[in-house]
C-alpha cells in the first residue's frame, strides 16, 4: 500500500506499507518511516481488519534507520500487543 501525506511540514510525503495475510488469518506489516497522518489512517485500517478477521494485532518493532530517527513519533519497542476492541 502506498500513501501520500497531506502534512505540509512533511519532507517525505510518500510512504509504503507491505501487508501480508497469513494462512492462520494473522496480518503482518512492514514499513520504514510513515508520516503521522498516514500512520493514524493505517492504525484505523488495521483495527478494522482485526475486527473483521477476529485476530489480534501484534507489532514487532525493528531498528529505526538512522535517517528517520529524528522524525519518529512512536517509541521503538520490541513487541507491542494491541488489544483494543
Protein backbone atom coordinates (compact mmCIF):
# COMPACT_ATOMS: atom_id res chain seq x y z
CA UNK A 1 0.00 0.00 0.00
CA UNK A 2 1.29 3.45 -0.83
CA UNK A 3 0.08 6.59 0.90
CA UNK A 4 0.77 10.29 0.45
CA UNK A 5 0.97 12.57 3.46
CA UNK A 6 -1.03 15.79 3.47
CA UNK A 7 1.13 17.36 6.19
CA UNK A 8 2.80 20.49 4.83
CA UNK A 9 5.83 20.16 7.10
CA UNK A 10 6.48 16.58 5.97
CA UNK A 11 9.60 16.24 3.78
CA UNK A 12 8.92 12.60 2.80
CA UNK A 13 5.33 12.65 1.62
CA UNK A 14 5.13 9.13 0.15
CA UNK A 15 5.14 6.08 2.44
CA UNK A 16 4.86 2.37 1.66
CA UNK A 17 3.44 -0.33 3.91
CA UNK A 18 3.68 -4.01 2.97
CA UNK A 19 0.74 -6.14 4.20
CA UNK A 20 0.90 -9.94 4.32
CA UNK A 21 -2.12 -12.03 5.34
CA UNK A 22 -1.00 -15.45 6.55
CA UNK A 23 -2.95 -18.71 6.35
CA UNK A 24 -3.86 -18.51 10.05
CA UNK A 25 -5.54 -15.12 9.46
CA UNK A 26 -2.84 -13.05 11.10
CA UNK A 27 -1.67 -9.92 9.34
CA UNK A 28 1.96 -8.81 9.21
CA UNK A 29 3.03 -5.37 8.09
CA UNK A 30 6.41 -3.90 7.30
CA UNK A 31 7.47 -0.35 6.61
CA UNK A 32 10.20 2.14 7.28
CA UNK A 33 9.18 5.67 8.16
CA UNK A 34 5.48 6.56 7.97
CA UNK A 35 4.31 10.20 8.40
CA UNK A 36 1.96 10.79 11.33
CA UNK A 37 -1.22 11.26 9.24
CA UNK A 38 -0.64 8.06 7.25
CA UNK A 39 0.25 6.22 10.46
CA UNK A 40 -3.08 7.19 12.03
CA UNK A 41 -5.02 6.01 8.94
CA UNK A 42 -3.08 2.74 8.84
CA UNK A 43 -3.87 2.14 12.54
CA UNK A 44 -7.59 2.60 11.85
CA UNK A 45 -7.40 0.23 8.88
CA UNK A 46 -5.58 -2.40 10.94
CA UNK A 47 -8.16 -2.18 13.72
CA UNK A 48 -10.89 -2.72 11.12
CA UNK A 49 -9.04 -5.76 9.73
CA UNK A 50 -8.64 -7.03 13.28
CA UNK A 51 -12.38 -6.85 13.90
CA UNK A 52 -13.27 -8.47 10.56
CA UNK A 53 -10.74 -11.30 10.79
CA UNK A 54 -11.08 -11.84 14.54
CA UNK A 55 -7.35 -11.91 15.19
CA UNK A 56 -5.34 -9.64 17.47
CA UNK A 57 -2.60 -7.48 16.05
CA UNK A 58 0.98 -7.77 17.21
CA UNK A 59 3.54 -5.16 16.28
CA UNK A 60 7.15 -6.25 16.32
CA UNK A 61 9.48 -3.28 16.43
CA UNK A 62 12.64 -3.10 14.39
CA UNK A 63 15.71 -0.93 14.31
CA UNK A 64 14.86 2.57 13.09
CA UNK A 65 17.09 3.58 10.15
CA UNK A 66 19.38 6.46 11.11
CA UNK A 67 17.88 8.82 8.51
CA UNK A 68 14.45 8.51 10.21
CA UNK A 69 15.46 8.63 13.91
CA UNK A 70 14.92 12.40 14.19
CA UNK A 71 11.41 12.08 12.65
CA UNK A 72 9.92 9.30 14.74
CA UNK A 73 6.96 9.97 17.00
CA UNK A 74 6.45 6.37 18.17
CA UNK A 75 8.71 4.52 20.55
CA UNK A 76 10.58 1.55 19.17
CA UNK A 77 9.63 -1.33 21.43
CA UNK A 78 10.45 -4.99 20.88
CA UNK A 79 6.83 -6.17 20.83
CA UNK A 80 3.60 -4.27 21.30
CA UNK A 81 0.30 -6.07 21.62
CA UNK A 82 -2.81 -4.05 20.87
CA UNK A 83 -5.92 -5.43 22.48
CA UNK A 84 -8.37 -2.65 21.60
CA UNK A 85 -11.90 -3.80 20.93
